[in-house]
PDB file of N, CA and C in Angstrom:
ATOM      1  N   MET A   1       1.033  -1.257  -0.187  1.00  0.00           N
ATOM      2  CA  MET A   1      -0.072  -0.134   0.159  1.00  0.00           C
ATOM      3  C   MET A   1       1.122   1.287   0.367  1.00  0.00           C
ATOM      4  N   GLU A   2       0.363   2.050  -1.030  1.00  0.00           N
ATOM      5  CA  GLU A   2       1.339   3.744  -1.204  1.00  0.00           C
ATOM      6  C   GLU A   2       1.471   4.415   0.375  1.00  0.00           C
ATOM      7  N   GLU A   3       2.065   5.325   0.331  1.00  0.00           N
ATOM      8  CA  GLU A   3       2.116   6.271   2.090  1.00  0.00           C
ATOM      9  C   GLU A   3       1.885   6.710   1.130  1.00  0.00           C
ATOM     10  N   ILE A   4       0.845   7.596   2.195  1.00  0.00           N
ATOM     11  CA  ILE A   4       0.715   9.303   1.597  1.00  0.00           C
ATOM     12  C   ILE A   4       1.200   9.860   2.873  1.00  0.00           C
ATOM     13  N   THR A   5       1.900  11.412   2.368  1.00  0.00           N
ATOM     14  CA  THR A   5       2.277  12.245   2.890  1.00  0.00           C
ATOM     15  C   THR A   5       1.833  13.275   2.672  1.00  0.00           C
ATOM     16  N   ALA A   6       2.356  14.097   3.446  1.00  0.00           N
ATOM     17  CA  ALA A   6       1.882  15.577   3.717  1.00  0.00           C
ATOM     18  C   ALA A   6       1.840  16.195   2.852  1.00  0.00           C
ATOM     19  N   ILE A   7       1.273  17.269   2.512  1.00  0.00           N
ATOM     20  CA  ILE A   7       1.163  17.778   0.873  1.00  0.00           C
ATOM     21  C   ILE A   7       1.128  19.401   1.607  1.00  0.00           C
ATOM     22  N   SER A   8       1.712  20.460   1.305  1.00  0.00           N
ATOM     23  CA  SER A   8       1.573  21.517   1.788  1.00  0.00           C
ATOM     24  C   SER A   8       1.036  22.712   0.787  1.00  0.00           C
ATOM     25  N   GLU A   9      -0.275  23.489  -0.067  1.00  0.00           N
ATOM     26  CA  GLU A   9      -0.545  24.302  -0.601  1.00  0.00           C
ATOM     27  C   GLU A   9       0.230  25.010  -1.406  1.00  0.00           C
ATOM     28  N   SER A  10       1.242  25.095  -0.817  1.00  0.00           N
ATOM     29  CA  SER A  10       2.398  25.369  -2.313  1.00  0.00           C
ATOM     30  C   SER A  10       3.017  24.743  -3.186  1.00  0.00           C
ATOM     31  N   GLU A  11       2.830  23.377  -2.240  1.00  0.00           N
ATOM     32  CA  GLU A  11       3.660  22.417  -3.832  1.00  0.00           C
ATOM     33  C   GLU A  11       1.911  21.832  -4.492  1.00  0.00           C
ATOM     34  N   ILE A  12       0.699  22.103  -3.417  1.00  0.00           N
ATOM     35  CA  ILE A  12      -0.308  21.910  -5.133  1.00  0.00           C
ATOM     36  C   ILE A  12      -0.607  23.394  -5.870  1.00  0.00           C
ATOM     37  N   LEU A  13      -0.016  24.299  -5.616  1.00  0.00           N
ATOM     38  CA  LEU A  13      -0.068  25.666  -6.323  1.00  0.00           C
ATOM     39  C   LEU A  13       0.805  25.080  -7.701  1.00  0.00           C
ATOM     40  N   ALA A  14       1.739  24.983  -6.849  1.00  0.00           N
ATOM     41  CA  ALA A  14       2.993  25.028  -7.733  1.00  0.00           C
ATOM     42  C   ALA A  14       2.774  23.468  -9.269  1.00  0.00           C
ATOM     43  N   ASP A  15       1.411  22.933  -8.544  1.00  0.00           N
ATOM     44  CA  ASP A  15       1.654  20.969  -9.651  1.00  0.00           C
ATOM     45  C   ASP A  15       0.321  22.323 -10.116  1.00  0.00           C
ATOM     46  N   VAL A  16      -0.346  23.254  -9.582  1.00  0.00           N
ATOM     47  CA  VAL A  16      -1.165  23.023 -10.738  1.00  0.00           C
ATOM     48  C   VAL A  16      -1.556  24.049 -11.540  1.00  0.00           C
ATOM     49  N   ILE A  17      -0.039  25.467 -11.280  1.00  0.00           N
ATOM     50  CA  ILE A  17       0.147  26.145 -11.995  1.00  0.00           C
ATOM     51  C   ILE A  17       1.823  26.053 -13.310  1.00  0.00           C
ATOM     52  N   ALA A  18       2.335  25.035 -12.659  1.00  0.00           N
ATOM     53  CA  ALA A  18       2.820  24.270 -13.778  1.00  0.00           C
ATOM     54  C   ALA A  18       4.654  24.915 -13.877  1.00  0.00           C
ATOM     55  N   SER A  19       4.997  25.590 -12.149  1.00  0.00           N
ATOM     56  CA  SER A  19       5.939  26.005 -12.607  1.00  0.00           C
ATOM     57  C   SER A  19       6.778  25.874 -12.879  1.00  0.00           C
ATOM     58  N   ASP A  20       6.951  24.754 -13.204  1.00  0.00           N
ATOM     59  CA  ASP A  20       8.361  24.401 -13.852  1.00  0.00           C
ATOM     60  C   ASP A  20       7.859  24.354 -15.916  1.00  0.00           C
ATOM     61  N   GLN A  21       7.383  24.941 -15.933  1.00  0.00           N
ATOM     62  CA  GLN A  21       6.863  25.293 -17.190  1.00  0.00           C
ATOM     63  C   GLN A  21       6.795  26.988 -17.573  1.00  0.00           C
ATOM     64  N   GLY A  22       7.850  27.329 -18.846  1.00  0.00           N
ATOM     65  CA  GLY A  22       7.859  28.691 -19.344  1.00  0.00           C
ATOM     66  C   GLY A  22       6.475  28.328 -19.883  1.00  0.00           C
ATOM     67  N   ASP A  23       5.151  28.712 -20.169  1.00  0.00           N
ATOM     68  CA  ASP A  23       4.402  28.472 -21.381  1.00  0.00           C
ATOM     69  C   ASP A  23       3.462  30.222 -20.946  1.00  0.00           C
ATOM     70  N   LEU A  24       4.232  31.127 -19.921  1.00  0.00           N
ATOM     71  CA  LEU A  24       3.626  32.615 -20.488  1.00  0.00           C
ATOM     72  C   LEU A  24       3.772  33.135 -20.955  1.00  0.00           C
ATOM     73  N   THR A  25       2.837  34.115 -21.778  1.00  0.00           N
ATOM     74  CA  THR A  25       2.770  34.762 -22.883  1.00  0.00           C
ATOM     75  C   THR A  25       3.945  35.893 -22.021  1.00  0.00           C
ATOM     76  N   ALA A  26       4.779  36.680 -23.066  1.00  0.00           N
ATOM     77  CA  ALA A  26       5.918  38.032 -22.254  1.00  0.00           C
ATOM     78  C   ALA A  26       5.034  38.643 -21.606  1.00  0.00           C
ATOM     79  N   GLU A  27       3.553  39.652 -21.495  1.00  0.00           N
ATOM     80  CA  GLU A  27       3.076  40.427 -20.948  1.00  0.00           C
ATOM     81  C   GLU A  27       2.335  40.027 -19.477  1.00  0.00           C
ATOM     82  N   VAL A  28       1.607  38.437 -19.250  1.00  0.00           N
ATOM     83  CA  VAL A  28       1.570  37.598 -18.565  1.00  0.00           C
ATOM     84  C   VAL A  28       2.329  37.837 -17.563  1.00  0.00           C
ATOM     85  N   ALA A  29       3.625  37.363 -17.848  1.00  0.00           N
ATOM     86  CA  ALA A  29       4.544  37.180 -17.424  1.00  0.00           C
ATOM     87  C   ALA A  29       5.805  39.027 -16.257  1.00  0.00           C
ATOM     88  N   GLN A  30       5.335  38.895 -17.435  1.00  0.00           N
ATOM     89  CA  GLN A  30       5.964  40.048 -16.672  1.00  0.00           C
ATOM     90  C   GLN A  30       5.220  40.867 -16.009  1.00  0.00           C
ATOM     91  N   ALA A  31       3.772  41.080 -15.993  1.00  0.00           N
ATOM     92  CA  ALA A  31       3.147  41.489 -15.290  1.00  0.00           C
ATOM     93  C   ALA A  31       3.390  40.761 -13.782  1.00  0.00           C
ATOM     94  N   GLY A  32       3.314  39.108 -13.552  1.00  0.00           N
ATOM     95  CA  GLY A  32       2.964  38.779 -12.373  1.00  0.00           C
ATOM     96  C   GLY A  32       4.450  38.956 -12.431  1.00  0.00           C
ATOM     97  N   LEU A  33       6.072  39.662 -12.833  1.00  0.00           N
ATOM     98  CA  LEU A  33       6.066  39.942 -12.068  1.00  0.00           C
ATOM     99  C   LEU A  33       6.890  41.156 -11.224  1.00  0.00           C
ATOM    100  N   ARG A  34       5.570  41.968 -10.997  1.00  0.00           N
ATOM    101  CA  ARG A  34       4.997  43.049 -10.817  1.00  0.00           C
ATOM    102  C   ARG A  34       4.880  42.880  -9.545  1.00  0.00           C
ATOM    103  N   TRP A  35       4.094  41.647  -9.307  1.00  0.00           N
ATOM    104  CA  TRP A  35       3.676  41.857  -7.783  1.00  0.00           C
ATOM    105  C   TRP A  35       4.365  41.839  -6.720  1.00  0.00           C
ATOM    106  N   LYS A  36       3.776  42.427  -5.852  1.00  0.00           N
ATOM    107  CA  LYS A  36       4.558  42.685  -4.658  1.00  0.00           C
ATOM    108  C   LYS A  36       3.449  42.624  -3.376  1.00  0.00           C
ATOM    109  N   PHE A  37       4.010  42.593  -2.313  1.00  0.00           N
ATOM    110  CA  PHE A  37       3.853  43.498  -1.300  1.00  0.00           C
ATOM    111  C   PHE A  37       3.456  44.374  -1.014  1.00  0.00           C
ATOM    112  N   THR A  38       3.261  45.680  -0.478  1.00  0.00           N
ATOM    113  CA  THR A  38       3.266  46.696  -0.260  1.00  0.00           C
ATOM    114  C   THR A  38       3.966  46.807   1.088  1.00  0.00           C
ATOM    115  N   ASP A  39       4.192  48.112   1.150  1.00  0.00           N
ATOM    116  CA  ASP A  39       5.286  49.140   2.400  1.00  0.00           C
ATOM    117  C   ASP A  39       4.296  48.860   3.470  1.00  0.00           C
ATOM    118  N   GLN A  40       3.181  48.369   3.507  1.00  0.00           N
ATOM    119  CA  GLN A  40       2.280  48.414   4.449  1.00  0.00           C
ATOM    120  C   GLN A  40       1.794  47.162   5.475  1.00  0.00           C
ATOM    121  N   ALA A  41       2.359  45.925   4.001  1.00  0.00           N
ATOM    122  CA  ALA A  41       2.188  45.035   4.303  1.00  0.00           C
ATOM    123  C   ALA A  41       3.317  43.341   4.958  1.00  0.00           C
ATOM    124  N   ILE A  42       4.330  44.300   4.263  1.00  0.00           N
ATOM    125  CA  ILE A  42       5.977  44.188   5.012  1.00  0.00           C
ATOM    126  C   ILE A  42       6.387  44.114   6.333  1.00  0.00           C
ATOM    127  N   ALA A  43       5.500  45.900   6.286  1.00  0.00           N
ATOM    128  CA  ALA A  43       5.921  46.552   7.753  1.00  0.00           C
ATOM    129  C   ALA A  43       4.708  45.141   8.887  1.00  0.00           C
ATOM    130  N   ARG A  44       3.285  45.064   8.454  1.00  0.00           N
ATOM    131  CA  ARG A  44       2.610  44.164   9.132  1.00  0.00           C
ATOM    132  C   ARG A  44       3.709  42.923   9.484  1.00  0.00           C
ATOM    133  N   MET A  45       4.265  42.315   8.111  1.00  0.00           N
ATOM    134  CA  MET A  45       4.389  40.756   8.588  1.00  0.00           C
ATOM    135  C   MET A  45       5.642  41.155   9.323  1.00  0.00           C
ATOM    136  N   ASN A  46       6.569  42.400   9.270  1.00  0.00           N
ATOM    137  CA  ASN A  46       7.820  41.692  10.014  1.00  0.00           C
ATOM    138  C   ASN A  46       7.188  42.412  11.834  1.00  0.00           C
ATOM    139  N   VAL A  47       6.639  43.066  11.510  1.00  0.00           N
ATOM    140  CA  VAL A  47       6.229  42.894  13.400  1.00  0.00           C
ATOM    141  C   VAL A  47       5.612  41.462  13.543  1.00  0.00           C
ATOM    142  N   LEU A  48       4.727  40.552  13.459  1.00  0.00           N
ATOM    143  CA  LEU A  48       4.124  39.089  13.255  1.00  0.00           C
ATOM    144  C   LEU A  48       4.934  38.586  13.476  1.00  0.00           C
ATOM    145  N   ALA A  49       6.591  39.048  12.191  1.00  0.00           N
ATOM    146  CA  ALA A  49       7.229  37.392  12.585  1.00  0.00           C
ATOM    147  C   ALA A  49       8.107  38.481  13.572  1.00  0.00           C
ATOM    148  N   GLN A  50       8.603  39.383  14.493  1.00  0.00           N
ATOM    149  CA  GLN A  50       9.081  39.597  14.867  1.00  0.00           C
ATOM    150  C   GLN A  50       8.719  39.212  16.822  1.00  0.00           C
ATOM    151  N   ARG A  51       7.224  39.316  16.662  1.00  0.00           N
ATOM    152  CA  ARG A  51       6.489  38.799  17.703  1.00  0.00           C
ATOM    153  C   ARG A  51       6.766  36.840  18.003  1.00  0.00           C
ATOM    154  N   ASN A  52       6.231  36.744  16.807  1.00  0.00           N
ATOM    155  CA  ASN A  52       6.676  35.097  16.817  1.00  0.00           C
ATOM    156  C   ASN A  52       7.903  34.934  17.268  1.00  0.00           C
ATOM    157  N   SER A  53       8.786  34.897  16.599  1.00  0.00           N
ATOM    158  CA  SER A  53      10.026  35.402  17.222  1.00  0.00           C
ATOM    159  C   SER A  53      10.615  35.173  19.098  1.00  0.00           C
ATOM    160  N   LYS A  54       9.971  36.648  19.654  1.00  0.00           N
ATOM    161  CA  LYS A  54       9.817  36.322  20.596  1.00  0.00           C
ATOM    162  C   LYS A  54       9.117  35.676  21.662  1.00  0.00           C
ATOM    163  N   GLY A  55       8.590  35.027  20.957  1.00  0.00           N
ATOM    164  CA  GLY A  55       7.202  34.072  21.322  1.00  0.00           C
ATOM    165  C   GLY A  55       5.794  34.414  21.822  1.00  0.00           C
ATOM    166  N   THR A  56       5.688  36.339  21.457  1.00  0.00           N
ATOM    167  CA  THR A  56       4.599  37.377  21.826  1.00  0.00           C
ATOM    168  C   THR A  56       3.304  37.242  20.960  1.00  0.00           C
ATOM    169  N   ILE A  57       3.508  36.400  20.381  1.00  0.00           N
ATOM    170  CA  ILE A  57       2.555  36.583  19.137  1.00  0.00           C
ATOM    171  C   ILE A  57       1.120  35.665  20.040  1.00  0.00           C
ATOM    172  N   THR A  58       0.149  36.274  19.596  1.00  0.00           N
ATOM    173  CA  THR A  58      -1.441  36.191  19.738  1.00  0.00           C
ATOM    174  C   THR A  58      -2.021  34.978  18.597  1.00  0.00           C
ATOM    175  N   ALA A  59      -3.034  33.898  18.947  1.00  0.00           N
ATOM    176  CA  ALA A  59      -3.064  33.422  18.125  1.00  0.00           C
ATOM    177  C   ALA A  59      -3.718  33.895  16.708  1.00  0.00           C
ATOM    178  N   GLN A  60      -4.941  34.990  17.137  1.00  0.00           N
ATOM    179  CA  GLN A  60      -4.550  35.691  15.590  1.00  0.00           C
ATOM    180  C   GLN A  60      -3.684  36.209  14.772  1.00  0.00           C
ATOM    181  N   GLU A  61      -3.006  37.082  15.727  1.00  0.00           N
ATOM    182  CA  GLU A  61      -1.625  36.784  14.455  1.00  0.00           C
ATOM    183  C   GLU A  61      -0.566  36.335  14.060  1.00  0.00           C
ATOM    184  N   ARG A  62      -0.941  34.612  14.649  1.00  0.00           N
ATOM    185  CA  ARG A  62      -0.185  33.256  14.005  1.00  0.00           C
ATOM    186  C   ARG A  62      -0.901  33.439  12.778  1.00  0.00           C
ATOM    187  N   GLN A  63      -2.113  33.219  12.984  1.00  0.00           N
ATOM    188  CA  GLN A  63      -3.194  32.583  11.425  1.00  0.00           C
ATOM    189  C   GLN A  63      -2.725  33.914  10.647  1.00  0.00           C
ATOM    190  N   ASP A  64      -2.661  35.279  10.656  1.00  0.00           N
ATOM    191  CA  ASP A  64      -2.147  36.608  10.102  1.00  0.00           C
ATOM    192  C   ASP A  64      -1.093  36.515   9.472  1.00  0.00           C
ATOM    193  N   LEU A  65       0.133  36.155   9.630  1.00  0.00           N
ATOM    194  CA  LEU A  65       1.802  35.406   9.170  1.00  0.00           C
ATOM    195  C   LEU A  65       1.403  34.326   8.647  1.00  0.00           C
ATOM    196  N   GLU A  66       0.585  33.465   9.419  1.00  0.00           N
ATOM    197  CA  GLU A  66       0.559  31.653   8.283  1.00  0.00           C
ATOM    198  C   GLU A  66       0.151  32.821   6.429  1.00  0.00           C
ATOM    199  N   LYS A  67      -1.321  33.318   6.708  1.00  0.00           N
ATOM    200  CA  LYS A  67      -1.113  33.750   5.623  1.00  0.00           C
ATOM    201  C   LYS A  67      -0.635  34.795   4.892  1.00  0.00           C
ATOM    202  N   TYR A  68      -0.517  35.353   5.718  1.00  0.00           N
ATOM    203  CA  TYR A  68       1.010  36.138   4.678  1.00  0.00           C
ATOM    204  C   TYR A  68       1.938  35.418   3.882  1.00  0.00           C
ATOM    205  N   LEU A  69       1.864  34.516   4.536  1.00  0.00           N
ATOM    206  CA  LEU A  69       3.292  32.974   4.272  1.00  0.00           C
ATOM    207  C   LEU A  69       2.634  32.396   3.336  1.00  0.00           C
ATOM    208  N   ARG A  70       1.569  32.016   3.513  1.00  0.00           N
ATOM    209  CA  ARG A  70       1.064  31.166   2.011  1.00  0.00           C
ATOM    210  C   ARG A  70       1.120  32.560   0.875  1.00  0.00           C
ATOM    211  N   VAL A  71       0.649  33.815   1.198  1.00  0.00           N
ATOM    212  CA  VAL A  71       0.596  34.174  -0.850  1.00  0.00           C
ATOM    213  C   VAL A  71       2.000  35.066  -0.041  1.00  0.00           C
ATOM    214  N   GLY A  72       2.763  34.767  -0.017  1.00  0.00           N
ATOM    215  CA  GLY A  72       3.933  34.986  -0.264  1.00  0.00           C
ATOM    216  C   GLY A  72       4.738  34.100  -1.185  1.00  0.00           C
ATOM    217  N   ASN A  73       4.083  31.991  -1.073  1.00  0.00           N
ATOM    218  CA  ASN A  73       4.430  31.314  -1.120  1.00  0.00           C
ATOM    219  C   ASN A  73       3.644  30.766  -2.767  1.00  0.00           C
ATOM    220  N   LEU A  74       2.636  31.204  -3.119  1.00  0.00           N
ATOM    221  CA  LEU A  74       1.955  31.374  -4.222  1.00  0.00           C
ATOM    222  C   LEU A  74       2.863  32.855  -4.826  1.00  0.00           C
ATOM    223  N   ILE A  75       3.092  33.697  -4.404  1.00  0.00           N
ATOM    224  CA  ILE A  75       4.144  35.202  -5.430  1.00  0.00           C
ATOM    225  C   ILE A  75       4.732  33.922  -5.985  1.00  0.00           C
ATOM    226  N   ASN A  76       5.899  33.697  -4.657  1.00  0.00           N
ATOM    227  CA  ASN A  76       7.291  33.193  -5.632  1.00  0.00           C
ATOM    228  C   ASN A  76       7.130  31.624  -6.785  1.00  0.00           C
ATOM    229  N   ILE A  77       5.936  31.097  -6.304  1.00  0.00           N
ATOM    230  CA  ILE A  77       5.868  30.360  -7.626  1.00  0.00           C
ATOM    231  C   ILE A  77       4.836  30.769  -9.086  1.00  0.00           C
ATOM    232  N   VAL A  78       4.517  31.910  -8.701  1.00  0.00           N
ATOM    233  CA  VAL A  78       4.232  32.646 -10.048  1.00  0.00           C
ATOM    234  C   VAL A  78       5.139  33.251 -10.227  1.00  0.00           C
ATOM    235  N   GLN A  79       6.408  33.600 -10.055  1.00  0.00           N
ATOM    236  CA  GLN A  79       7.313  34.879 -10.621  1.00  0.00           C
ATOM    237  C   GLN A  79       8.803  33.439 -11.175  1.00  0.00           C
ATOM    238  N   ALA A  80       8.279  32.354 -10.236  1.00  0.00           N
ATOM    239  CA  ALA A  80       8.797  31.433 -10.807  1.00  0.00           C
ATOM    240  C   ALA A  80       9.141  30.872 -12.306  1.00  0.00           C
ATOM    241  N   LYS A  81       6.916  30.814 -12.203  1.00  0.00           N
ATOM    242  CA  LYS A  81       7.190  30.180 -13.759  1.00  0.00           C
ATOM    243  C   LYS A  81       7.073  31.704 -14.734  1.00  0.00           C
ATOM    244  N   ALA A  82       6.922  32.797 -14.202  1.00  0.00           N
ATOM    245  CA  ALA A  82       6.459  33.783 -15.090  1.00  0.00           C
ATOM    246  C   ALA A  82       8.792  33.834 -15.402  1.00  0.00           C
ATOM    247  N   ARG A  83       9.556  33.999 -14.480  1.00  0.00           N
ATOM    248  CA  ARG A  83      10.636  34.090 -15.696  1.00  0.00           C
ATOM    249  C   ARG A  83      11.122  32.728 -16.443  1.00  0.00           C
ATOM    250  N   LEU A  84      11.017  31.972 -15.737  1.00  0.00           N
ATOM    251  CA  LEU A  84      11.192  30.717 -16.651  1.00  0.00           C
ATOM    252  C   LEU A  84       9.993  31.080 -18.474  1.00  0.00           C
ATOM    253  N   SER A  85       9.529  31.392 -18.427  1.00  0.00           N
ATOM    254  CA  SER A  85       8.122  32.058 -19.534  1.00  0.00           C
ATOM    255  C   SER A  85       9.455  33.127 -20.686  1.00  0.00           C
ATOM    256  N   LEU A  86       9.693  33.618 -19.454  1.00  0.00           N
ATOM    257  CA  LEU A  86      10.648  35.275 -20.306  1.00  0.00           C
ATOM    258  C   LEU A  86      11.713  34.351 -21.070  1.00  0.00           C
ATOM    259  N   LYS A  87      12.917  33.502 -20.129  1.00  0.00           N
ATOM    260  CA  LYS A  87      13.916  33.272 -19.761  1.00  0.00           C
ATOM    261  C   LYS A  87      13.744  31.976 -21.297  1.00  0.00           C
ATOM    262  N   SER A  88      12.615  31.353 -21.299  1.00  0.00           N
ATOM    263  CA  SER A  88      12.614  29.964 -22.963  1.00  0.00           C
ATOM    264  C   SER A  88      12.374  31.055 -23.354  1.00  0.00           C
ATOM    265  N   ALA A  89      11.600  32.162 -23.702  1.00  0.00           N
ATOM    266  CA  ALA A  89      11.264  33.065 -25.041  1.00  0.00           C
ATOM    267  C   ALA A  89      12.098  34.319 -25.754  1.00  0.00           C
ATOM    268  N   GLY A  90      12.964  33.939 -24.470  1.00  0.00           N
ATOM    269  CA  GLY A  90      14.485  34.917 -25.711  1.00  0.00           C
ATOM    270  C   GLY A  90      14.541  36.240 -24.395  1.00  0.00           C
ATOM    271  N   HIS A  91      13.875  36.569 -23.606  1.00  0.00           N
ATOM    272  CA  HIS A  91      13.351  37.720 -22.841  1.00  0.00           C
ATOM    273  C   HIS A  91      14.716  38.020 -21.939  1.00  0.00           C
ATOM    274  N   SER A  92      15.748  39.354 -22.098  1.00  0.00           N
ATOM    275  CA  SER A  92      17.011  39.659 -21.189  1.00  0.00           C
ATOM    276  C   SER A  92      16.073  39.824 -19.660  1.00  0.00           C
ATOM    277  N   ASP A  93      15.230  39.740 -18.946  1.00  0.00           N
ATOM    278  CA  ASP A  93      14.739  40.562 -18.290  1.00  0.00           C
ATOM    279  C   ASP A  93      14.280  39.745 -17.195  1.00  0.00           C
ATOM    280  N   ALA A  94      14.419  38.371 -17.625  1.00  0.00           N
ATOM    281  CA  ALA A  94      13.896  37.426 -16.803  1.00  0.00           C
ATOM    282  C   ALA A  94      14.141  37.393 -15.651  1.00  0.00           C
TER     283      ALA A  94
END
């Protein structure tokens, strides 16, 4: 019987998005590379990360931090696919 191992949301998204295939148009790939957190979101993540490392984070703050991490993983997956797509198309801005 095959052993079932835990899978992360990031692994599922990478499979769905096919981040190992460079098949986005240059326009779509360049748009994906512009995705980023706002300065306000980065400041919030930093506060949450500091509270987490000090052990003073609340349950709600931990949930918020985990949400930011999941969104960050999604952005990383999309941007990996975008860079591969631009590289495959011979664009130097990958």
